[in-house]
Amino acid sequence: MLLVYTLCNALQAGEKQLGTDESVFNTVLCSRSRAQLKAVFQAYKKVAGHDIEDAIKNETSGTLRDGYLAVGMTTACVHVPVTDTLL
């Protein structure tokens, strides 16, 4: 559980900077399992007061935003195929 809150705090710190530190989002979103990401996203919502999708929408744009949102959507819902999030 400590890992979950460590990752959650890292995401929140990356979000609060002037100019988002995408490397923090990349590290968390691209190096964790679905189960770990699900736990991080739930903890993030409790700590930050909003969900990770809101943070991604507010802090990123373009194809980077689309990629991050695809990871978030496929992590949050088992029933959404990856191809549906990319179309």
PDB file of N, CA and C in Angstrom:
ATOM      1  N   MET A   1       0.818  -1.196   0.000  1.00  0.00           N
ATOM      2  CA  MET A   1       0.000   0.000   0.000  1.00  0.00           C
ATOM      3  C   MET A   1       0.864   1.263   0.000  1.00  0.00           C
ATOM      4  N   LEU A   2       2.042   1.160   0.579  1.00  0.00           N
ATOM      5  CA  LEU A   2       2.947   2.307   0.585  1.00  0.00           C
ATOM      6  C   LEU A   2       3.327   2.686  -0.850  1.00  0.00           C
ATOM      7  N   LEU A   3       3.557   1.682  -1.689  1.00  0.00           N
ATOM      8  CA  LEU A   3       3.893   1.943  -3.083  1.00  0.00           C
ATOM      9  C   LEU A   3       2.772   2.712  -3.764  1.00  0.00           C
ATOM     10  N   VAL A   4       1.537   2.343  -3.509  1.00  0.00           N
ATOM     11  CA  VAL A   4       0.386   3.009  -4.122  1.00  0.00           C
ATOM     12  C   VAL A   4       0.381   4.487  -3.760  1.00  0.00           C
ATOM     13  N   TYR A   5       0.558   4.811  -2.502  1.00  0.00           N
ATOM     14  CA  TYR A   5       0.523   6.211  -2.091  1.00  0.00           C
ATOM     15  C   TYR A   5       1.765   6.968  -2.543  1.00  0.00           C
ATOM     16  N   THR A   6       2.889   6.284  -2.655  1.00  0.00           N
ATOM     17  CA  THR A   6       4.093   6.915  -3.191  1.00  0.00           C
ATOM     18  C   THR A   6       3.871   7.322  -4.639  1.00  0.00           C
ATOM     19  N   LEU A   7       3.316   6.403  -5.440  1.00  0.00           N
ATOM     20  CA  LEU A   7       3.031   6.704  -6.841  1.00  0.00           C
ATOM     21  C   LEU A   7       1.960   7.790  -6.964  1.00  0.00           C
ATOM     22  N   CYS A   8       0.965   7.717  -6.122  1.00  0.00           N
ATOM     23  CA  CYS A   8      -0.115   8.698  -6.121  1.00  0.00           C
ATOM     24  C   CYS A   8       0.436  10.095  -5.822  1.00  0.00           C
ATOM     25  N   ASN A   9       1.275  10.199  -4.830  1.00  0.00           N
ATOM     26  CA  ASN A   9       1.881  11.485  -4.477  1.00  0.00           C
ATOM     27  C   ASN A   9       2.796  11.994  -5.582  1.00  0.00           C
ATOM     28  N   ALA A  10       3.488  11.082  -6.257  1.00  0.00           N
ATOM     29  CA  ALA A  10       4.340  11.485  -7.373  1.00  0.00           C
ATOM     30  C   ALA A  10       3.502  12.079  -8.496  1.00  0.00           C
ATOM     31  N   LEU A  11       2.376  11.446  -8.804  1.00  0.00           N
ATOM     32  CA  LEU A  11       1.477  11.986  -9.833  1.00  0.00           C
ATOM     33  C   LEU A  11       0.965  13.359  -9.443  1.00  0.00           C
ATOM     34  N   GLN A  12       0.572  13.492  -8.201  1.00  0.00           N
ATOM     35  CA  GLN A  12       0.038  14.775  -7.740  1.00  0.00           C
ATOM     36  C   GLN A  12       1.123  15.849  -7.785  1.00  0.00           C
ATOM     37  N   ALA A  13       2.346  15.498  -7.434  1.00  0.00           N
ATOM     38  CA  ALA A  13       3.445  16.458  -7.481  1.00  0.00           C
ATOM     39  C   ALA A  13       3.729  16.876  -8.922  1.00  0.00           C
ATOM     40  N   GLY A  14       3.678  15.915  -9.847  1.00  0.00           N
ATOM     41  CA  GLY A  14       3.873  16.236 -11.256  1.00  0.00           C
ATOM     42  C   GLY A  14       2.790  17.144 -11.782  1.00  0.00           C
ATOM     43  N   GLU A  15       1.601  17.003 -11.255  1.00  0.00           N
ATOM     44  CA  GLU A  15       0.462  17.813 -11.685  1.00  0.00           C
ATOM     45  C   GLU A  15       0.559  19.240 -11.163  1.00  0.00           C
ATOM     46  N   LYS A  16       1.096  19.429  -9.988  1.00  0.00           N
ATOM     47  CA  LYS A  16       1.101  20.748  -9.356  1.00  0.00           C
ATOM     48  C   LYS A  16       2.208  21.663  -9.868  1.00  0.00           C
ATOM     49  N   GLN A  17       3.131  21.140 -10.633  1.00  0.00           N
ATOM     50  CA  GLN A  17       4.233  21.946 -11.134  1.00  0.00           C
ATOM     51  C   GLN A  17       3.771  22.893 -12.235  1.00  0.00           C
ATOM     52  N   LEU A  18       4.533  23.945 -12.419  1.00  0.00           N
ATOM     53  CA  LEU A  18       4.319  24.808 -13.571  1.00  0.00           C
ATOM     54  C   LEU A  18       4.846  24.048 -14.775  1.00  0.00           C
ATOM     55  N   GLY A  19       3.979  23.686 -15.676  1.00  0.00           N
ATOM     56  CA  GLY A  19       4.382  22.803 -16.772  1.00  0.00           C
ATOM     57  C   GLY A  19       4.450  21.389 -16.229  1.00  0.00           C
ATOM     58  N   THR A  20       3.536  20.565 -16.610  1.00  0.00           N
ATOM     59  CA  THR A  20       3.439  19.206 -16.087  1.00  0.00           C
ATOM     60  C   THR A  20       4.702  18.420 -16.384  1.00  0.00           C
ATOM     61  N   ASP A  21       5.158  17.646 -15.422  1.00  0.00           N
ATOM     62  CA  ASP A  21       6.309  16.767 -15.619  1.00  0.00           C
ATOM     63  C   ASP A  21       5.782  15.442 -16.172  1.00  0.00           C
ATOM     64  N   GLU A  22       5.750  15.334 -17.497  1.00  0.00           N
ATOM     65  CA  GLU A  22       5.210  14.132 -18.136  1.00  0.00           C
ATOM     66  C   GLU A  22       5.987  12.880 -17.773  1.00  0.00           C
ATOM     67  N   SER A  23       7.261  13.030 -17.422  1.00  0.00           N
ATOM     68  CA  SER A  23       8.058  11.845 -17.083  1.00  0.00           C
ATOM     69  C   SER A  23       7.480  11.120 -15.871  1.00  0.00           C
ATOM     70  N   VAL A  24       6.853  11.864 -14.964  1.00  0.00           N
ATOM     71  CA  VAL A  24       6.214  11.232 -13.806  1.00  0.00           C
ATOM     72  C   VAL A  24       5.018  10.401 -14.273  1.00  0.00           C
ATOM     73  N   PHE A  25       4.185  10.986 -15.122  1.00  0.00           N
ATOM     74  CA  PHE A  25       3.043  10.245 -15.659  1.00  0.00           C
ATOM     75  C   PHE A  25       3.524   9.030 -16.453  1.00  0.00           C
ATOM     76  N   ASN A  26       4.547   9.207 -17.288  1.00  0.00           N
ATOM     77  CA  ASN A  26       5.078   8.093 -18.075  1.00  0.00           C
ATOM     78  C   ASN A  26       5.549   6.962 -17.181  1.00  0.00           C
ATOM     79  N   THR A  27       6.311   7.291 -16.167  1.00  0.00           N
ATOM     80  CA  THR A  27       6.848   6.277 -15.272  1.00  0.00           C
ATOM     81  C   THR A  27       5.745   5.477 -14.609  1.00  0.00           C
ATOM     82  N   VAL A  28       4.736   6.157 -14.110  1.00  0.00           N
ATOM     83  CA  VAL A  28       3.659   5.472 -13.409  1.00  0.00           C
ATOM     84  C   VAL A  28       2.769   4.701 -14.384  1.00  0.00           C
ATOM     85  N   LEU A  29       2.335   5.346 -15.450  1.00  0.00           N
ATOM     86  CA  LEU A  29       1.373   4.727 -16.358  1.00  0.00           C
ATOM     87  C   LEU A  29       1.962   3.595 -17.192  1.00  0.00           C
ATOM     88  N   CYS A  30       3.245   3.654 -17.468  1.00  0.00           N
ATOM     89  CA  CYS A  30       3.842   2.678 -18.388  1.00  0.00           C
ATOM     90  C   CYS A  30       4.623   1.567 -17.703  1.00  0.00           C
ATOM     91  N   SER A  31       4.773   1.634 -16.404  1.00  0.00           N
ATOM     92  CA  SER A  31       5.610   0.624 -15.745  1.00  0.00           C
ATOM     93  C   SER A  31       4.872  -0.178 -14.676  1.00  0.00           C
ATOM     94  N   ARG A  32       3.568  -0.036 -14.616  1.00  0.00           N
ATOM     95  CA  ARG A  32       2.795  -0.731 -13.584  1.00  0.00           C
ATOM     96  C   ARG A  32       1.756  -1.645 -14.202  1.00  0.00           C
ATOM     97  N   SER A  33       1.401  -2.671 -13.457  1.00  0.00           N
ATOM     98  CA  SER A  33       0.373  -3.607 -13.919  1.00  0.00           C
ATOM     99  C   SER A  33      -1.004  -2.959 -13.820  1.00  0.00           C
ATOM    100  N   ARG A  34      -1.977  -3.602 -14.444  1.00  0.00           N
ATOM    101  CA  ARG A  34      -3.357  -3.103 -14.389  1.00  0.00           C
ATOM    102  C   ARG A  34      -3.839  -3.007 -12.947  1.00  0.00           C
ATOM    103  N   ALA A  35      -3.557  -4.046 -12.150  1.00  0.00           N
ATOM    104  CA  ALA A  35      -4.001  -4.043 -10.744  1.00  0.00           C
ATOM    105  C   ALA A  35      -3.338  -2.911  -9.961  1.00  0.00           C
ATOM    106  N   GLN A  36      -2.048  -2.680 -10.203  1.00  0.00           N
ATOM    107  CA  GLN A  36      -1.358  -1.586  -9.511  1.00  0.00           C
ATOM    108  C   GLN A  36      -1.928  -0.236  -9.928  1.00  0.00           C
ATOM    109  N   LEU A  37      -2.154  -0.064 -11.231  1.00  0.00           N
ATOM    110  CA  LEU A  37      -2.710   1.207 -11.698  1.00  0.00           C
ATOM    111  C   LEU A  37      -4.100   1.456 -11.141  1.00  0.00           C
ATOM    112  N   LYS A  38      -4.895   0.418 -11.079  1.00  0.00           N
ATOM    113  CA  LYS A  38      -6.241   0.576 -10.524  1.00  0.00           C
ATOM    114  C   LYS A  38      -6.171   1.059  -9.079  1.00  0.00           C
ATOM    115  N   ALA A  39      -5.266   0.484  -8.302  1.00  0.00           N
ATOM    116  CA  ALA A  39      -5.085   0.900  -6.903  1.00  0.00           C
ATOM    117  C   ALA A  39      -4.561   2.334  -6.821  1.00  0.00           C
ATOM    118  N   VAL A  40      -3.620   2.672  -7.692  1.00  0.00           N
ATOM    119  CA  VAL A  40      -3.075   4.035  -7.706  1.00  0.00           C
ATOM    120  C   VAL A  40      -4.162   5.040  -8.073  1.00  0.00           C
ATOM    121  N   PHE A  41      -4.979   4.723  -9.079  1.00  0.00           N
ATOM    122  CA  PHE A  41      -6.037   5.647  -9.503  1.00  0.00           C
ATOM    123  C   PHE A  41      -7.064   5.861  -8.391  1.00  0.00           C
ATOM    124  N   GLN A  42      -7.398   4.809  -7.661  1.00  0.00           N
ATOM    125  CA  GLN A  42      -8.346   4.941  -6.551  1.00  0.00           C
ATOM    126  C   GLN A  42      -7.756   5.794  -5.430  1.00  0.00           C
ATOM    127  N   ALA A  43      -6.494   5.554  -5.113  1.00  0.00           N
ATOM    128  CA  ALA A  43      -5.825   6.349  -4.073  1.00  0.00           C
ATOM    129  C   ALA A  43      -5.669   7.793  -4.525  1.00  0.00           C
ATOM    130  N   TYR A  44      -5.355   7.995  -5.794  1.00  0.00           N
ATOM    131  CA  TYR A  44      -5.195   9.343  -6.335  1.00  0.00           C
ATOM    132  C   TYR A  44      -6.466  10.155  -6.148  1.00  0.00           C
ATOM    133  N   LYS A  45      -7.593   9.543  -6.435  1.00  0.00           N
ATOM    134  CA  LYS A  45      -8.868  10.255  -6.298  1.00  0.00           C
ATOM    135  C   LYS A  45      -9.098  10.695  -4.854  1.00  0.00           C
ATOM    136  N   LYS A  46      -8.735   9.839  -3.900  1.00  0.00           N
ATOM    137  CA  LYS A  46      -8.897  10.192  -2.479  1.00  0.00           C
ATOM    138  C   LYS A  46      -7.962  11.331  -2.087  1.00  0.00           C
ATOM    139  N   VAL A  47      -6.724  11.264  -2.541  1.00  0.00           N
ATOM    140  CA  VAL A  47      -5.713  12.247  -2.143  1.00  0.00           C
ATOM    141  C   VAL A  47      -5.902  13.577  -2.871  1.00  0.00           C
ATOM    142  N   ALA A  48      -6.132  13.524  -4.187  1.00  0.00           N
ATOM    143  CA  ALA A  48      -6.188  14.738  -4.996  1.00  0.00           C
ATOM    144  C   ALA A  48      -7.568  15.390  -5.019  1.00  0.00           C
ATOM    145  N   GLY A  49      -8.613  14.612  -4.744  1.00  0.00           N
ATOM    146  CA  GLY A  49      -9.957  15.160  -4.784  1.00  0.00           C
ATOM    147  C   GLY A  49     -10.585  15.130  -6.170  1.00  0.00           C
ATOM    148  N   HIS A  50      -9.880  14.579  -7.136  1.00  0.00           N
ATOM    149  CA  HIS A  50     -10.418  14.382  -8.489  1.00  0.00           C
ATOM    150  C   HIS A  50      -9.736  13.162  -9.086  1.00  0.00           C
ATOM    151  N   ASP A  51     -10.340  12.607 -10.127  1.00  0.00           N
ATOM    152  CA  ASP A  51      -9.753  11.384 -10.658  1.00  0.00           C
ATOM    153  C   ASP A  51      -8.617  11.673 -11.634  1.00  0.00           C
ATOM    154  N   ILE A  52      -7.886  10.630 -11.957  1.00  0.00           N
ATOM    155  CA  ILE A  52      -6.704  10.766 -12.803  1.00  0.00           C
ATOM    156  C   ILE A  52      -7.072  11.256 -14.198  1.00  0.00           C
ATOM    157  N   GLU A  53      -8.244  10.877 -14.690  1.00  0.00           N
ATOM    158  CA  GLU A  53      -8.658  11.336 -16.018  1.00  0.00           C
ATOM    159  C   GLU A  53      -8.801  12.857 -16.055  1.00  0.00           C
ATOM    160  N   ASP A  54      -9.326  13.447 -14.992  1.00  0.00           N
ATOM    161  CA  ASP A  54      -9.424  14.908 -14.930  1.00  0.00           C
ATOM    162  C   ASP A  54      -8.033  15.537 -14.955  1.00  0.00           C
ATOM    163  N   ALA A  55      -7.109  14.945 -14.213  1.00  0.00           N
ATOM    164  CA  ALA A  55      -5.734  15.459 -14.189  1.00  0.00           C
ATOM    165  C   ALA A  55      -5.112  15.368 -15.573  1.00  0.00           C
ATOM    166  N   ILE A  56      -5.303  14.244 -16.241  1.00  0.00           N
ATOM    167  CA  ILE A  56      -4.745  14.066 -17.584  1.00  0.00           C
ATOM    168  C   ILE A  56      -5.343  15.084 -18.543  1.00  0.00           C
ATOM    169  N   LYS A  57      -6.652  15.279 -18.489  1.00  0.00           N
ATOM    170  CA  LYS A  57      -7.312  16.231 -19.386  1.00  0.00           C
ATOM    171  C   LYS A  57      -6.843  17.660 -19.131  1.00  0.00           C
ATOM    172  N   ASN A  58      -6.599  18.006 -17.872  1.00  0.00           N
ATOM    173  CA  ASN A  58      -6.183  19.364 -17.524  1.00  0.00           C
ATOM    174  C   ASN A  58      -4.699  19.617 -17.761  1.00  0.00           C
ATOM    175  N   GLU A  59      -3.889  18.576 -17.713  1.00  0.00           N
ATOM    176  CA  GLU A  59      -2.443  18.763 -17.726  1.00  0.00           C
ATOM    177  C   GLU A  59      -1.756  18.398 -19.036  1.00  0.00           C
ATOM    178  N   THR A  60      -2.455  17.715 -19.943  1.00  0.00           N
ATOM    179  CA  THR A  60      -1.813  17.277 -21.184  1.00  0.00           C
ATOM    180  C   THR A  60      -2.701  17.607 -22.376  1.00  0.00           C
ATOM    181  N   SER A  61      -2.161  17.398 -23.572  1.00  0.00           N
ATOM    182  CA  SER A  61      -2.935  17.634 -24.786  1.00  0.00           C
ATOM    183  C   SER A  61      -2.436  16.719 -25.893  1.00  0.00           C
ATOM    184  N   GLY A  62      -3.183  16.713 -26.983  1.00  0.00           N
ATOM    185  CA  GLY A  62      -2.769  15.998 -28.183  1.00  0.00           C
ATOM    186  C   GLY A  62      -2.713  14.491 -28.026  1.00  0.00           C
ATOM    187  N   THR A  63      -1.788  13.892 -28.746  1.00  0.00           N
ATOM    188  CA  THR A  63      -1.679  12.431 -28.749  1.00  0.00           C
ATOM    189  C   THR A  63      -1.195  11.891 -27.413  1.00  0.00           C
ATOM    190  N   LEU A  64      -0.420  12.689 -26.698  1.00  0.00           N
ATOM    191  CA  LEU A  64       0.007  12.265 -25.361  1.00  0.00           C
ATOM    192  C   LEU A  64      -1.212  12.106 -24.458  1.00  0.00           C
ATOM    193  N   ARG A  65      -2.091  13.079 -24.498  1.00  0.00           N
ATOM    194  CA  ARG A  65      -3.341  13.014 -23.728  1.00  0.00           C
ATOM    195  C   ARG A  65      -4.156  11.784 -24.132  1.00  0.00           C
ATOM    196  N   ASP A  66      -4.287  11.568 -25.429  1.00  0.00           N
ATOM    197  CA  ASP A  66      -5.046  10.416 -25.919  1.00  0.00           C
ATOM    198  C   ASP A  66      -4.461   9.099 -25.418  1.00  0.00           C
ATOM    199  N   GLY A  67      -3.146   8.985 -25.444  1.00  0.00           N
ATOM    200  CA  GLY A  67      -2.483   7.772 -24.965  1.00  0.00           C
ATOM    201  C   GLY A  67      -2.690   7.557 -23.482  1.00  0.00           C
ATOM    202  N   TYR A  68      -2.506   8.613 -22.703  1.00  0.00           N
ATOM    203  CA  TYR A  68      -2.718   8.509 -21.257  1.00  0.00           C
ATOM    204  C   TYR A  68      -4.162   8.126 -20.944  1.00  0.00           C
ATOM    205  N   LEU A  69      -5.108   8.748 -21.632  1.00  0.00           N
ATOM    206  CA  LEU A  69      -6.522   8.444 -21.395  1.00  0.00           C
ATOM    207  C   LEU A  69      -6.851   7.008 -21.791  1.00  0.00           C
ATOM    208  N   ALA A  70      -6.220   6.512 -22.851  1.00  0.00           N
ATOM    209  CA  ALA A  70      -6.437   5.122 -23.257  1.00  0.00           C
ATOM    210  C   ALA A  70      -5.974   4.172 -22.161  1.00  0.00           C
ATOM    211  N   VAL A  71      -4.828   4.461 -21.554  1.00  0.00           N
ATOM    212  CA  VAL A  71      -4.339   3.636 -20.449  1.00  0.00           C
ATOM    213  C   VAL A  71      -5.320   3.711 -19.284  1.00  0.00           C
ATOM    214  N   GLY A  72      -5.764   4.918 -18.962  1.00  0.00           N
ATOM    215  CA  GLY A  72      -6.707   5.087 -17.859  1.00  0.00           C
ATOM    216  C   GLY A  72      -8.019   4.375 -18.092  1.00  0.00           C
ATOM    217  N   MET A  73      -8.546   4.461 -19.306  1.00  0.00           N
ATOM    218  CA  MET A  73      -9.830   3.831 -19.610  1.00  0.00           C
ATOM    219  C   MET A  73      -9.729   2.314 -19.592  1.00  0.00           C
ATOM    220  N   THR A  74      -8.658   1.776 -20.156  1.00  0.00           N
ATOM    221  CA  THR A  74      -8.527   0.323 -20.182  1.00  0.00           C
ATOM    222  C   THR A  74      -8.198  -0.233 -18.811  1.00  0.00           C
ATOM    223  N   THR A  75      -7.615   0.572 -17.959  1.00  0.00           N
ATOM    224  CA  THR A  75      -7.322   0.139 -16.597  1.00  0.00           C
ATOM    225  C   THR A  75      -8.582   0.148 -15.744  1.00  0.00           C
ATOM    226  N   ALA A  76      -9.375   1.190 -15.896  1.00  0.00           N
ATOM    227  CA  ALA A  76     -10.568   1.355 -15.063  1.00  0.00           C
ATOM    228  C   ALA A  76     -11.667   0.362 -15.397  1.00  0.00           C
ATOM    229  N   CYS A  77     -11.770  -0.016 -16.654  1.00  0.00           N
ATOM    230  CA  CYS A  77     -12.883  -0.864 -17.076  1.00  0.00           C
ATOM    231  C   CYS A  77     -12.373  -2.042 -17.885  1.00  0.00           C
ATOM    232  N   VAL A  78     -12.579  -3.222 -17.377  1.00  0.00           N
ATOM    233  CA  VAL A  78     -12.124  -4.432 -18.047  1.00  0.00           C
ATOM    234  C   VAL A  78     -12.857  -4.633 -19.368  1.00  0.00           C
ATOM    235  N   HIS A  79     -14.053  -4.083 -19.508  1.00  0.00           N
ATOM    236  CA  HIS A  79     -14.895  -4.336 -20.665  1.00  0.00           C
ATOM    237  C   HIS A  79     -14.621  -3.411 -21.840  1.00  0.00           C
ATOM    238  N   VAL A  80     -13.661  -2.499 -21.728  1.00  0.00           N
ATOM    239  CA  VAL A  80     -13.361  -1.588 -22.830  1.00  0.00           C
ATOM    240  C   VAL A  80     -12.112  -2.086 -23.551  1.00  0.00           C
ATOM    241  N   PRO A  81     -12.262  -2.604 -24.782  1.00  0.00           N
ATOM    242  CA  PRO A  81     -11.083  -3.049 -25.527  1.00  0.00           C
ATOM    243  C   PRO A  81     -10.181  -1.871 -25.866  1.00  0.00           C
ATOM    244  N   VAL A  82      -8.892  -2.110 -25.905  1.00  0.00           N
ATOM    245  CA  VAL A  82      -7.938  -1.046 -26.210  1.00  0.00           C
ATOM    246  C   VAL A  82      -8.257  -0.399 -27.549  1.00  0.00           C
ATOM    247  N   THR A  83      -8.651  -1.181 -28.527  1.00  0.00           N
ATOM    248  CA  THR A  83      -8.935  -0.623 -29.854  1.00  0.00           C
ATOM    249  C   THR A  83     -10.072   0.396 -29.803  1.00  0.00           C
ATOM    250  N   ASP A  84     -11.047   0.223 -28.925  1.00  0.00           N
ATOM    251  CA  ASP A  84     -12.148   1.180 -28.815  1.00  0.00           C
ATOM    252  C   ASP A  84     -11.682   2.533 -28.286  1.00  0.00           C
ATOM    253  N   THR A  85     -10.659   2.538 -27.449  1.00  0.00           N
ATOM    254  CA  THR A  85     -10.182   3.803 -26.888  1.00  0.00           C
ATOM    255  C   THR A  85      -9.327   4.549 -27.875  1.00  0.00           C
ATOM    256  N   LEU A  86      -8.810   3.870 -28.875  1.00  0.00           N
ATOM    257  CA  LEU A  86      -7.911   4.522 -29.837  1.00  0.00           C
ATOM    258  C   LEU A  86      -8.624   5.005 -31.086  1.00  0.00           C
ATOM    259  N   LEU A  87      -9.888   4.634 -31.265  1.00  0.00           N
ATOM    260  CA  LEU A  87     -10.608   5.039 -32.477  1.00  0.00           C
ATOM    261  C   LEU A  87     -11.187   6.419 -32.369  1.00  0.00           C
TER     262      LEU A  87
END
